[in-house]
Amino acid sequence: MFDTILIANRGEIACRVIDTCRRLGVRAVAVHSDVDAQARHVEMADVAVSLGGATPAESYLRGDAIIAAAQATGAQAIHPGYGFLSENPDFVDAVEAAGLVFIGPSASAIRAMGLKDAAKALMAEAGVPVVPGYQGSDQSPDVLAKEADAIGYPVLIKAVAGGGGKGMRLVEAPKGFADALASAQSEAKTAFGNPHVLIEKYITSPRHIEVQVFGDGGRAVHLFERDCSLQRRHQKVIEEAPAPGMTPKMRDAMGQAAVRAAEAIGYKGAGTVEFIVDGSDGLRPDGFWFMEMNTRLQVEHPVTEAITGVDLVEWQLRVASGEPLPCSQEDLSIAGHSFEARLYAEDVPAGFLPATGRLSHLAFPEEARADTGVRTGDVISPHYDPMIAKVIVHGSSRAVALRKLRRALSATQVAGTVTNLAFLGALARHAGFSAGDVDTGLIGRDLAALTDVPDLTPVVAAQAVLALIGLDRAPRPLDGFALWSPVMQDLALACGDDMLCCQITTCGPGEIDVAVNGQIVAARHGANGWRFDGQPGAAVFVEDESATVFGDPTFVLRRLDPLDVDAGAGTSGDLVEAPMPGLVRQVFVSAGAEVAKGDRLAILEAMKMEHSLLAARDGVVAEVMAEAGSQVEAGAVLIRLEEEDI
């Protein structure tokens, strides 16, 4: 076993690797950008080395600096985590040339699976079923369009060097192919430096089921499957293991195919073979096809660990240090069921836009495993993926695990930035998901219901009122009433765009009535704290003039100055603003251009994704205030339309 390893990553995966290092007595070296100088993974590590810069290109993608840090700190090996350099074969070559061990597969294995077209050809030779499609080298638009016609719509355009849904577009009909192709190629070039794509048949009732494999360079085993069908824009949201509806024959067929794939390239370490599965008529051994192989540890690996009892990071370290596979296929079995939900800083009502901000409060329930790289007080940076945590539960059955997931999500507390927590809770309660009736289109079909925000109730508003005036935190709240004069107080609150007029009336010791827009809530204090109309109060976090009332969902209410005027009311759609900090990748219009509602005016690149900025109405461009290549802050005006005639 190694004495010291360097983790060439950040965030929750760096913390996850350090956890195993601590348990095994291995010294852990962290690297960090200037932005991450005080990050959680830096605090946890035994040694930390600065890479400088802020963006990935200035820090976590600097392979030479990472190797130098490993040599300077006495590390014998480098663990890449996932993302960044984890699937870069040139980095693997450089690590080994420096006399260090790369904790992962060989450069040749990564190259074999790195391009989707070549990987599919290799898998077909190894007897692994593949989806019909085009993986040719001729990338001219006319040829690709003809191939799409031959395959038959709907088709999927995928970047050959892609991952994480980047450079991927679903095309339903020929008329949308050209625009989708240009968009996919542009995003692929930005994300991977390679604009080449492949075309494949789109399965109309698809499920995404992947198999965890592990090899030692000779033989390989599989650690069963994970279902990752709950996806939004090809990005996983909730994963589970094992897959609902899985049969022994199907599991055996998929497992054997995944092992053949791993052994065909002499795979060493943890990897995942991803399959697209036709779920239209149950799970059948002849109804799955190879999509790609991820030659690294997956984000969702904890659900596999939960059902098998295996620490995959420990296995990575042991095999990389020269040990054989720790067990045979016959030694592995499934115990219970596990779910993982990905908690992100993102604005769901605004179309799941990545968000930034300081985490003024962050807490997870003790009964759940929370893999996270952030703490209370940390900042979600625009330079990296906005994941806050992975919330993981395990139960004796799927039904038990699902109940635990719902409870864990409702008890998770985040304040300071918007998150997808309510969306995750809605998914966990979704009837189809609860029944195990899942496919990759579930979220898209029911998006309106899943993103619907329940109305704020007077009871929730009353809890915010008491928190904002300090009664919920007073050591002896009943003694404070003598300070109130008069016995009535007015308070104005805002929740989103809604304004609430509240009036607090002290009725007696431990008795307060809170009128919310005229509806009275009786707040009464007893031995177990405050109750509101007989209901126990929720946890509330107060910062400055805002109160976050945790629950399912969580509401944020802010105290208003009575003289404040909402300057944003009545906006006309004249301005096109940056919804987040980012890089202006392209601008499609100039002053004087006529545009129609929904036209794409510009592309903003932020948090590894491209976001199209659209015209809110018909009009004429009055001014373009940003150019391609410029870095802008959230709220920056990029384009202004001429005022409408009234």
Foldseek 3Di string as FASTA:
>chain_A
DWQEEEELDAKLQLVLLLVVCVVVNHAYEYEDEPQCPPWQSCVSHPYYYYQYDDFCVSGSLPLVVRLVVCVVVVGQEYEHGDPRCNLPQVSCVVQVVSNHFYLFWHSQLSVCFQFQLSVQVLLVVLVFFAFDWFDDPPQDPVVRLVRDVVQDPFKKKAGRRDDQLQLIDTDGDSVCSVVSLVRSLVRCCVQPVGSDIIMGYDQPFKWKKKWKKAFLLAFIFILWIKTQFADDSSHGFKIKPPAPQDDPVLRVLRRVSVRSSCNSRSTHAIKMWMWIFRPPPGGDNVGIHTRGMGRHDDPPCVNSCQFWVDDRSVQSVQSSVPDGRPDDNVVTDGAFMKMKGWKFQFDVVVPRHHKKWAFQAWDWDPQWDKRITHHHGRIQDQNAGGTGIITMHTDRYLLVNLVVVLVRLFPTDTDTGHICSLLVNLCSVDPCVSVSNGGNCPCVVCVCVSSDDDDDDPQLVVLFVCVQVPLQPDPQSQVPCVVDPPQKDWWWKDWVNDIWIWMWGDPHRQWIWIATNRRTWIWGQDPVGIATNNHDAADWDDDDQWIWGGGSHITIMGTDDPPDDPPPPPDDQQFFWAQAWFFWAAADDAAFDWDAFFDFGTWTDTNSDIDTTTRNGTFGWHHADDHGGDTDGHGHTGTGGDDDDD
